[in-house]
């Protein structure tokens, strides 16, 4: 079953959007297997991106982080330059991949004032009345609270599921 993307994609049926890990790591395979799909590459200023990643991951070494940053380099706090280079390389790779298909990729700066307008224009939808969503904000996290403990349990379970996914796909 290793490398069998079609089996993995069966689990995505019924969804309009795939976001986050592991999907950004397999954007080429998704593009090849889902005709007419479109992609949004979110970007932001490097300093705030790195702080967010470092705060989110902390000192947890996990299979997903090893896949993204390389074996033995799964903790961004240990090598800031490498972590930033991985992000830059990924963004450049995505942009290069879609360079001849500009209608299939939107590059969205998360600090832009007109995010809704850009996304809705790209997806041929009307702009909704509500504010652009922003979840998982650092200001929403209480490190001493139950939410934080539940987030840790959820992250460990998610890491287990991702490890299973990586094993199935032959990446681990």
N, C-alpha and C. Protein backbone atom coordinates (compact mmCIF):
# COMPACT_ATOMS: atom_id res chain seq x y z
N UNK A 1 0.82 -1.20 0.00
CA UNK A 1 0.00 0.00 0.00
C UNK A 1 0.86 1.26 0.00
N UNK A 2 2.14 1.14 0.25
CA UNK A 2 3.02 2.31 0.28
C UNK A 2 2.99 3.02 -1.06
N UNK A 3 2.86 4.35 -1.02
CA UNK A 3 2.83 5.15 -2.24
C UNK A 3 1.48 5.12 -2.94
N UNK A 4 0.47 4.54 -2.32
CA UNK A 4 -0.85 4.42 -2.94
C UNK A 4 -1.69 5.65 -2.61
N UNK A 5 -1.50 6.71 -3.40
CA UNK A 5 -2.20 7.97 -3.15
C UNK A 5 -3.70 7.83 -3.36
N UNK A 6 -4.10 6.96 -4.28
CA UNK A 6 -5.53 6.83 -4.55
C UNK A 6 -6.30 6.37 -3.31
N UNK A 7 -5.72 5.46 -2.53
CA UNK A 7 -6.38 5.03 -1.29
C UNK A 7 -6.48 6.17 -0.30
N UNK A 8 -5.43 6.97 -0.22
CA UNK A 8 -5.45 8.13 0.69
C UNK A 8 -6.50 9.14 0.22
N UNK A 9 -6.56 9.38 -1.08
CA UNK A 9 -7.51 10.37 -1.60
C UNK A 9 -8.96 9.95 -1.40
N UNK A 10 -9.22 8.65 -1.31
CA UNK A 10 -10.59 8.20 -1.04
C UNK A 10 -11.09 8.78 0.28
N UNK A 11 -10.19 8.98 1.22
CA UNK A 11 -10.57 9.54 2.52
C UNK A 11 -10.93 11.02 2.43
N UNK A 12 -10.58 11.68 1.33
CA UNK A 12 -10.86 13.10 1.18
C UNK A 12 -12.17 13.37 0.45
N UNK A 13 -12.81 12.33 -0.04
CA UNK A 13 -14.06 12.53 -0.78
C UNK A 13 -15.09 13.20 0.12
N UNK A 14 -15.82 14.12 -0.46
CA UNK A 14 -16.83 14.84 0.30
C UNK A 14 -16.32 16.14 0.90
N UNK A 15 -15.03 16.40 0.79
CA UNK A 15 -14.46 17.64 1.30
C UNK A 15 -14.17 18.58 0.14
N UNK A 16 -14.41 19.86 0.37
CA UNK A 16 -14.10 20.88 -0.64
C UNK A 16 -12.70 21.45 -0.44
N UNK A 17 -12.18 21.34 0.77
CA UNK A 17 -10.90 21.97 1.11
C UNK A 17 -10.04 20.99 1.90
N UNK A 18 -8.76 20.96 1.55
CA UNK A 18 -7.76 20.24 2.34
C UNK A 18 -6.74 21.28 2.76
N UNK A 19 -6.43 21.35 4.05
CA UNK A 19 -5.48 22.37 4.50
C UNK A 19 -4.55 21.80 5.55
N UNK A 20 -3.38 22.40 5.61
CA UNK A 20 -2.41 22.00 6.62
C UNK A 20 -1.68 20.72 6.25
N UNK A 21 -1.16 20.09 7.28
CA UNK A 21 -0.37 18.88 7.10
C UNK A 21 -1.29 17.69 6.99
N UNK A 22 -1.05 16.73 6.12
CA UNK A 22 0.10 16.52 5.24
C UNK A 22 -0.08 17.08 3.84
N UNK A 23 -1.21 17.74 3.60
CA UNK A 23 -1.59 18.08 2.23
C UNK A 23 -0.59 18.99 1.54
N UNK A 24 -0.01 19.96 2.25
CA UNK A 24 0.93 20.85 1.58
C UNK A 24 2.20 20.12 1.15
N UNK A 25 2.48 18.99 1.76
CA UNK A 25 3.66 18.21 1.39
C UNK A 25 3.45 17.41 0.10
N UNK A 26 2.19 17.16 -0.26
CA UNK A 26 1.91 16.33 -1.44
C UNK A 26 1.07 17.10 -2.46
N UNK A 27 1.31 18.41 -2.58
CA UNK A 27 0.50 19.23 -3.48
C UNK A 27 0.62 18.76 -4.93
N UNK A 28 1.78 18.29 -5.36
CA UNK A 28 1.93 17.83 -6.75
C UNK A 28 1.07 16.60 -7.00
N UNK A 29 1.10 15.66 -6.06
CA UNK A 29 0.30 14.44 -6.21
C UNK A 29 -1.19 14.77 -6.19
N UNK A 30 -1.59 15.69 -5.33
CA UNK A 30 -2.99 16.11 -5.30
C UNK A 30 -3.39 16.76 -6.62
N UNK A 31 -2.54 17.63 -7.12
CA UNK A 31 -2.81 18.31 -8.39
C UNK A 31 -2.97 17.30 -9.52
N UNK A 32 -2.13 16.30 -9.55
CA UNK A 32 -2.17 15.30 -10.62
C UNK A 32 -3.39 14.40 -10.52
N UNK A 33 -3.91 14.20 -9.33
CA UNK A 33 -5.01 13.26 -9.13
C UNK A 33 -6.38 13.91 -8.96
N UNK A 34 -6.41 15.22 -8.81
CA UNK A 34 -7.70 15.91 -8.65
C UNK A 34 -7.80 16.97 -9.75
N UNK A 35 -8.35 16.59 -10.90
CA UNK A 35 -8.46 17.54 -12.02
C UNK A 35 -9.26 18.78 -11.63
N UNK A 36 -8.78 19.93 -12.08
CA UNK A 36 -9.48 21.18 -11.82
C UNK A 36 -9.26 21.75 -10.43
N UNK A 37 -8.41 21.12 -9.65
CA UNK A 37 -8.17 21.63 -8.30
C UNK A 37 -7.39 22.94 -8.36
N UNK A 38 -7.57 23.74 -7.33
CA UNK A 38 -6.84 25.01 -7.21
C UNK A 38 -6.17 25.05 -5.86
N UNK A 39 -5.10 25.81 -5.79
CA UNK A 39 -4.26 25.82 -4.60
C UNK A 39 -4.03 27.24 -4.11
N UNK A 40 -4.01 27.38 -2.79
CA UNK A 40 -3.72 28.67 -2.16
C UNK A 40 -2.47 28.50 -1.31
N UNK A 41 -1.43 29.24 -1.65
CA UNK A 41 -0.19 29.25 -0.88
C UNK A 41 -0.23 30.47 0.03
N UNK A 42 -0.32 30.23 1.33
CA UNK A 42 -0.34 31.35 2.26
C UNK A 42 1.08 31.71 2.66
N UNK A 43 1.34 33.00 2.70
CA UNK A 43 2.66 33.50 3.07
C UNK A 43 2.51 34.55 4.15
N UNK A 44 3.61 34.82 4.82
CA UNK A 44 3.64 35.89 5.80
C UNK A 44 5.09 36.27 6.04
N UNK A 45 5.28 37.35 6.75
CA UNK A 45 6.62 37.84 7.06
C UNK A 45 7.38 36.75 7.83
N UNK A 46 8.65 36.55 7.47
CA UNK A 46 9.44 35.43 8.00
C UNK A 46 9.56 35.42 9.51
N UNK A 47 9.77 36.58 10.12
CA UNK A 47 9.98 36.64 11.57
C UNK A 47 8.74 36.13 12.30
N UNK A 48 7.56 36.59 11.90
CA UNK A 48 6.34 36.15 12.59
C UNK A 48 6.02 34.70 12.26
N UNK A 49 6.33 34.26 11.03
CA UNK A 49 6.11 32.86 10.67
C UNK A 49 6.98 31.96 11.55
N UNK A 50 8.25 32.29 11.67
CA UNK A 50 9.16 31.46 12.46
C UNK A 50 8.72 31.42 13.93
N UNK A 51 8.35 32.56 14.48
CA UNK A 51 7.90 32.60 15.87
C UNK A 51 6.68 31.70 16.06
N UNK A 52 5.75 31.76 15.12
CA UNK A 52 4.56 30.93 15.20
C UNK A 52 4.90 29.45 15.16
N UNK A 53 5.77 29.07 14.22
CA UNK A 53 6.17 27.66 14.10
C UNK A 53 6.92 27.21 15.36
N UNK A 54 7.86 28.02 15.81
CA UNK A 54 8.64 27.65 17.00
C UNK A 54 7.74 27.53 18.23
N UNK A 55 6.79 28.45 18.39
CA UNK A 55 5.86 28.39 19.52
C UNK A 55 4.95 27.17 19.42
N UNK A 56 4.50 26.87 18.22
CA UNK A 56 3.56 25.77 18.00
C UNK A 56 4.24 24.42 18.23
N UNK A 57 5.43 24.25 17.68
CA UNK A 57 6.12 22.97 17.77
C UNK A 57 6.86 22.83 19.09
N UNK A 58 7.47 23.92 19.54
CA UNK A 58 8.23 23.86 20.79
C UNK A 58 9.37 22.87 20.67
N UNK A 59 9.46 21.97 21.65
CA UNK A 59 10.53 20.98 21.62
C UNK A 59 10.00 19.57 21.33
N UNK A 60 8.84 19.50 20.69
CA UNK A 60 8.25 18.20 20.36
C UNK A 60 8.83 17.72 19.03
N UNK A 61 9.52 16.60 19.06
CA UNK A 61 10.03 16.00 17.82
C UNK A 61 9.00 14.95 17.41
N UNK A 62 8.52 15.05 16.19
CA UNK A 62 7.50 14.12 15.73
C UNK A 62 7.78 13.72 14.28
N UNK A 63 7.20 12.63 13.83
CA UNK A 63 7.40 12.21 12.44
C UNK A 63 7.02 13.29 11.41
N UNK A 64 5.90 14.02 11.61
CA UNK A 64 5.59 15.06 10.62
C UNK A 64 6.68 16.13 10.53
N UNK A 65 7.22 16.52 11.68
CA UNK A 65 8.26 17.55 11.66
C UNK A 65 9.53 17.02 11.00
N UNK A 66 9.82 15.75 11.22
CA UNK A 66 10.99 15.13 10.58
C UNK A 66 10.79 15.08 9.06
N UNK A 67 9.57 14.82 8.62
CA UNK A 67 9.28 14.77 7.18
C UNK A 67 9.46 16.15 6.57
N UNK A 68 8.95 17.16 7.24
CA UNK A 68 9.03 18.53 6.72
C UNK A 68 10.46 19.05 6.75
N UNK A 69 11.12 18.94 7.88
CA UNK A 69 12.42 19.60 8.06
C UNK A 69 13.62 18.70 7.85
N UNK A 70 13.38 17.39 7.73
CA UNK A 70 14.47 16.43 7.52
C UNK A 70 14.75 15.65 8.78
N UNK A 71 15.22 14.43 8.59
CA UNK A 71 15.54 13.58 9.74
C UNK A 71 16.58 14.24 10.63
N UNK A 72 16.31 14.24 11.91
CA UNK A 72 17.22 14.85 12.87
C UNK A 72 17.10 16.36 12.95
N UNK A 73 16.18 16.95 12.16
CA UNK A 73 16.02 18.40 12.15
C UNK A 73 14.57 18.79 12.41
N UNK A 74 13.83 17.94 13.13
CA UNK A 74 12.41 18.15 13.33
C UNK A 74 12.02 19.14 14.39
N UNK A 75 13.00 19.80 15.00
CA UNK A 75 12.68 20.81 16.01
C UNK A 75 13.22 22.15 15.50
N UNK A 76 12.34 23.02 14.97
CA UNK A 76 12.80 24.29 14.41
C UNK A 76 13.62 25.15 15.35
N UNK A 77 13.39 25.03 16.66
CA UNK A 77 14.15 25.84 17.62
C UNK A 77 15.65 25.54 17.56
N UNK A 78 16.00 24.35 17.08
CA UNK A 78 17.41 23.96 17.06
C UNK A 78 18.18 24.57 15.89
N UNK A 79 17.49 24.99 14.84
CA UNK A 79 18.19 25.52 13.67
C UNK A 79 17.27 26.47 12.91
N UNK A 80 17.25 27.72 13.33
CA UNK A 80 16.37 28.72 12.73
C UNK A 80 16.66 28.90 11.25
N UNK A 81 17.92 28.98 10.86
CA UNK A 81 18.28 29.19 9.45
C UNK A 81 17.76 28.06 8.58
N UNK A 82 17.90 26.83 9.06
CA UNK A 82 17.41 25.67 8.30
C UNK A 82 15.89 25.71 8.18
N UNK A 83 15.22 26.02 9.27
CA UNK A 83 13.75 26.09 9.27
C UNK A 83 13.26 27.13 8.26
N UNK A 84 13.86 28.30 8.27
CA UNK A 84 13.47 29.35 7.32
C UNK A 84 13.79 28.93 5.89
N UNK A 85 14.91 28.25 5.68
CA UNK A 85 15.28 27.79 4.33
C UNK A 85 14.28 26.75 3.81
N UNK A 86 13.82 25.86 4.69
CA UNK A 86 12.82 24.87 4.28
C UNK A 86 11.55 25.57 3.82
N UNK A 87 11.12 26.57 4.57
CA UNK A 87 9.92 27.33 4.20
C UNK A 87 10.12 28.03 2.86
N UNK A 88 11.24 28.72 2.70
CA UNK A 88 11.54 29.42 1.44
C UNK A 88 11.58 28.45 0.27
N UNK A 89 12.26 27.32 0.46
CA UNK A 89 12.36 26.33 -0.61
C UNK A 89 11.00 25.78 -1.00
N UNK A 90 10.16 25.52 0.00
CA UNK A 90 8.81 25.02 -0.29
C UNK A 90 8.02 26.05 -1.10
N UNK A 91 8.02 27.29 -0.65
CA UNK A 91 7.28 28.33 -1.35
C UNK A 91 7.77 28.49 -2.79
N UNK A 92 9.08 28.50 -2.98
CA UNK A 92 9.65 28.62 -4.33
C UNK A 92 9.26 27.42 -5.19
N UNK A 93 9.26 26.24 -4.60
CA UNK A 93 8.89 25.03 -5.33
C UNK A 93 7.44 25.08 -5.80
N UNK A 94 6.55 25.52 -4.92
CA UNK A 94 5.13 25.63 -5.28
C UNK A 94 4.94 26.64 -6.40
N UNK A 95 5.56 27.80 -6.27
CA UNK A 95 5.43 28.85 -7.28
C UNK A 95 5.98 28.38 -8.61
N UNK A 96 7.12 27.72 -8.61
CA UNK A 96 7.72 27.20 -9.84
C UNK A 96 6.81 26.15 -10.48
N UNK A 97 6.26 25.27 -9.68
CA UNK A 97 5.39 24.21 -10.18
C UNK A 97 4.19 24.78 -10.93
N UNK A 98 3.63 25.87 -10.43
CA UNK A 98 2.44 26.46 -11.03
C UNK A 98 2.74 27.64 -11.96
N UNK A 99 4.02 27.90 -12.27
CA UNK A 99 4.37 29.12 -13.01
C UNK A 99 3.67 29.23 -14.36
N UNK A 100 3.36 28.13 -15.00
CA UNK A 100 2.66 28.17 -16.29
C UNK A 100 1.15 28.04 -16.14
N UNK A 101 0.66 28.02 -14.91
CA UNK A 101 -0.77 27.87 -14.64
C UNK A 101 -1.20 28.85 -13.56
N UNK A 102 -1.10 30.13 -13.82
CA UNK A 102 -1.40 31.13 -12.78
C UNK A 102 -2.84 31.08 -12.27
N UNK A 103 -3.75 30.54 -13.03
CA UNK A 103 -5.15 30.47 -12.58
C UNK A 103 -5.39 29.35 -11.58
N UNK A 104 -4.38 28.51 -11.35
CA UNK A 104 -4.53 27.39 -10.42
C UNK A 104 -3.87 27.65 -9.07
N UNK A 105 -3.18 28.79 -8.93
CA UNK A 105 -2.49 29.10 -7.67
C UNK A 105 -2.74 30.54 -7.27
N UNK A 106 -3.16 30.71 -6.03
CA UNK A 106 -3.26 32.04 -5.42
C UNK A 106 -2.20 32.11 -4.33
N UNK A 107 -1.37 33.13 -4.39
CA UNK A 107 -0.40 33.38 -3.32
C UNK A 107 -1.01 34.45 -2.43
N UNK A 108 -1.32 34.07 -1.20
CA UNK A 108 -2.08 34.93 -0.30
C UNK A 108 -1.24 35.34 0.90
N UNK A 109 -0.99 36.62 1.02
CA UNK A 109 -0.29 37.17 2.19
C UNK A 109 -1.30 37.24 3.34
N UNK A 110 -1.02 36.54 4.42
CA UNK A 110 -1.95 36.49 5.54
C UNK A 110 -2.17 37.83 6.22
N UNK A 111 -1.30 38.80 5.94
CA UNK A 111 -1.47 40.13 6.54
C UNK A 111 -2.15 41.11 5.59
N UNK A 112 -2.52 40.66 4.41
CA UNK A 112 -3.20 41.55 3.46
C UNK A 112 -4.58 41.93 4.00
N UNK A 113 -5.00 43.14 3.71
CA UNK A 113 -6.31 43.61 4.16
C UNK A 113 -7.45 43.02 3.33
N UNK A 114 -7.14 42.61 2.11
CA UNK A 114 -8.19 42.15 1.20
C UNK A 114 -8.17 40.64 0.97
N UNK A 115 -7.89 39.88 2.02
CA UNK A 115 -7.80 38.42 1.89
C UNK A 115 -9.10 37.82 1.34
N UNK A 116 -10.24 38.22 1.93
CA UNK A 116 -11.51 37.68 1.45
C UNK A 116 -11.70 37.97 -0.03
N UNK A 117 -11.42 39.19 -0.43
CA UNK A 117 -11.60 39.56 -1.83
C UNK A 117 -10.73 38.70 -2.74
N UNK A 118 -9.48 38.51 -2.36
CA UNK A 118 -8.57 37.69 -3.18
C UNK A 118 -9.04 36.24 -3.27
N UNK A 119 -9.37 35.66 -2.12
CA UNK A 119 -9.78 34.25 -2.10
C UNK A 119 -11.08 34.06 -2.88
N UNK A 120 -12.04 34.93 -2.65
CA UNK A 120 -13.34 34.78 -3.32
C UNK A 120 -13.23 35.00 -4.82
N UNK A 121 -12.42 35.95 -5.24
CA UNK A 121 -12.20 36.15 -6.68
C UNK A 121 -11.56 34.90 -7.28
N UNK A 122 -10.56 34.36 -6.62
CA UNK A 122 -9.85 33.17 -7.08
C UNK A 122 -10.79 31.97 -7.20
N UNK A 123 -11.72 31.84 -6.25
CA UNK A 123 -12.63 30.69 -6.22
C UNK A 123 -13.99 30.97 -6.85
N UNK A 124 -14.14 32.15 -7.44
CA UNK A 124 -15.41 32.54 -8.09
C UNK A 124 -16.59 32.49 -7.11
N UNK A 125 -16.40 33.08 -5.94
CA UNK A 125 -17.45 33.16 -4.93
C UNK A 125 -17.66 34.62 -4.54
N UNK A 126 -18.84 34.89 -3.98
CA UNK A 126 -19.09 36.23 -3.45
C UNK A 126 -18.39 36.38 -2.11
N UNK A 127 -17.99 37.60 -1.80
CA UNK A 127 -17.33 37.88 -0.52
C UNK A 127 -18.38 37.84 0.59
N UNK A 128 -18.17 37.03 1.63
CA UNK A 128 -19.14 36.97 2.72
C UNK A 128 -19.10 38.22 3.59
N UNK A 129 -20.13 38.38 4.38
CA UNK A 129 -20.25 39.54 5.27
C UNK A 129 -19.30 39.45 6.47
N UNK A 130 -19.05 38.24 6.96
CA UNK A 130 -18.24 38.10 8.17
C UNK A 130 -16.76 38.34 7.91
N UNK A 131 -16.03 38.57 8.99
CA UNK A 131 -14.59 38.79 8.90
C UNK A 131 -13.88 37.54 8.43
N UNK A 132 -12.72 37.74 7.84
CA UNK A 132 -11.89 36.62 7.42
C UNK A 132 -11.50 35.82 8.66
N UNK A 133 -11.64 34.49 8.62
CA UNK A 133 -11.37 33.69 9.83
C UNK A 133 -9.89 33.66 10.19
N UNK A 134 -9.62 33.63 11.47
CA UNK A 134 -8.25 33.50 11.98
C UNK A 134 -8.31 32.60 13.20
N UNK A 135 -7.98 31.35 13.00
CA UNK A 135 -8.01 30.41 14.12
C UNK A 135 -6.60 30.08 14.56
N UNK A 136 -6.49 29.46 15.70
CA UNK A 136 -5.20 29.03 16.24
C UNK A 136 -4.28 30.20 16.54
N UNK A 137 -4.87 31.32 16.97
CA UNK A 137 -4.08 32.50 17.33
C UNK A 137 -3.32 32.25 18.62
N UNK A 138 -2.11 32.77 18.67
CA UNK A 138 -1.33 32.65 19.90
C UNK A 138 -2.05 33.30 21.07
N UNK A 139 -2.77 34.39 20.81
CA UNK A 139 -3.46 35.09 21.89
C UNK A 139 -4.63 34.28 22.45
N UNK A 140 -5.08 33.26 21.72
CA UNK A 140 -6.18 32.42 22.18
C UNK A 140 -5.71 31.27 23.06
N UNK A 141 -4.41 31.08 23.18
CA UNK A 141 -3.88 29.92 23.88
C UNK A 141 -3.57 30.26 25.34
N UNK A 142 -4.05 29.42 26.23
CA UNK A 142 -3.77 29.55 27.65
C UNK A 142 -2.90 28.36 28.05
N UNK A 143 -1.59 28.55 28.23
CA UNK A 143 -0.70 27.42 28.47
C UNK A 143 -1.00 26.62 29.73
N UNK A 144 -1.71 27.21 30.68
CA UNK A 144 -1.98 26.50 31.92
C UNK A 144 -3.35 25.85 31.94
N UNK A 145 -4.15 26.11 30.92
CA UNK A 145 -5.52 25.66 30.95
C UNK A 145 -5.77 24.30 30.34
N UNK A 146 -7.02 23.86 30.48
CA UNK A 146 -7.45 22.59 29.95
C UNK A 146 -7.31 22.56 28.43
N UNK A 147 -7.58 23.69 27.78
CA UNK A 147 -7.45 23.73 26.32
C UNK A 147 -6.05 23.33 25.89
N UNK A 148 -5.06 23.81 26.60
CA UNK A 148 -3.67 23.49 26.26
C UNK A 148 -3.40 22.00 26.42
N UNK A 149 -3.90 21.40 27.50
CA UNK A 149 -3.71 19.97 27.72
C UNK A 149 -4.41 19.16 26.64
N UNK A 150 -5.62 19.55 26.29
CA UNK A 150 -6.35 18.85 25.24
C UNK A 150 -5.64 19.00 23.90
N UNK A 151 -5.08 20.17 23.64
CA UNK A 151 -4.34 20.40 22.41
C UNK A 151 -3.14 19.47 22.32
N UNK A 152 -2.45 19.27 23.44
CA UNK A 152 -1.29 18.37 23.47
C UNK A 152 -1.71 16.94 23.18
N UNK A 153 -2.79 16.48 23.80
CA UNK A 153 -3.29 15.13 23.55
C UNK A 153 -3.70 14.99 22.08
N UNK A 154 -4.41 15.99 21.58
CA UNK A 154 -4.84 15.96 20.18
C UNK A 154 -3.63 15.93 19.25
N UNK A 155 -2.60 16.71 19.56
CA UNK A 155 -1.40 16.75 18.71
C UNK A 155 -0.71 15.39 18.69
N UNK A 156 -0.62 14.74 19.86
CA UNK A 156 0.02 13.42 19.91
C UNK A 156 -0.78 12.41 19.09
N UNK A 157 -2.12 12.46 19.20
CA UNK A 157 -2.96 11.55 18.41
C UNK A 157 -2.82 11.86 16.93
N UNK A 158 -2.81 13.14 16.59
CA UNK A 158 -2.64 13.55 15.20
C UNK A 158 -1.29 13.07 14.67
N UNK A 159 -0.24 13.17 15.48
CA UNK A 159 1.08 12.69 15.07
C UNK A 159 1.04 11.20 14.78
N UNK A 160 0.30 10.45 15.60
CA UNK A 160 0.16 9.02 15.37
C UNK A 160 -0.51 8.77 14.02
N UNK A 161 -1.59 9.50 13.75
CA UNK A 161 -2.29 9.33 12.47
C UNK A 161 -1.40 9.72 11.30
N UNK A 162 -0.64 10.79 11.45
CA UNK A 162 0.25 11.22 10.38
C UNK A 162 1.34 10.19 10.15
N UNK A 163 1.87 9.62 11.22
CA UNK A 163 2.89 8.58 11.07
C UNK A 163 2.31 7.40 10.29
N UNK A 164 1.08 7.02 10.59
CA UNK A 164 0.43 5.95 9.84
C UNK A 164 0.29 6.34 8.37
N UNK A 165 -0.10 7.58 8.10
CA UNK A 165 -0.23 8.07 6.73
C UNK A 165 1.12 7.99 6.03
N UNK A 166 2.18 8.48 6.69
CA UNK A 166 3.51 8.49 6.09
C UNK A 166 3.98 7.07 5.81
N UNK A 167 3.70 6.14 6.71
CA UNK A 167 4.07 4.75 6.50
C UNK A 167 3.32 4.17 5.31
N UNK A 168 2.03 4.47 5.23
CA UNK A 168 1.22 4.00 4.11
C UNK A 168 1.74 4.52 2.78
N UNK A 169 2.16 5.77 2.77
CA UNK A 169 2.62 6.39 1.53
C UNK A 169 4.07 6.04 1.21
N UNK A 170 4.76 5.37 2.11
CA UNK A 170 6.13 4.99 1.85
C UNK A 170 7.14 6.07 2.16
N UNK A 171 6.73 7.09 2.92
CA UNK A 171 7.64 8.18 3.26
C UNK A 171 8.44 7.89 4.52
N UNK A 172 8.04 6.90 5.28
CA UNK A 172 8.70 6.66 6.57
C UNK A 172 9.30 5.29 6.60
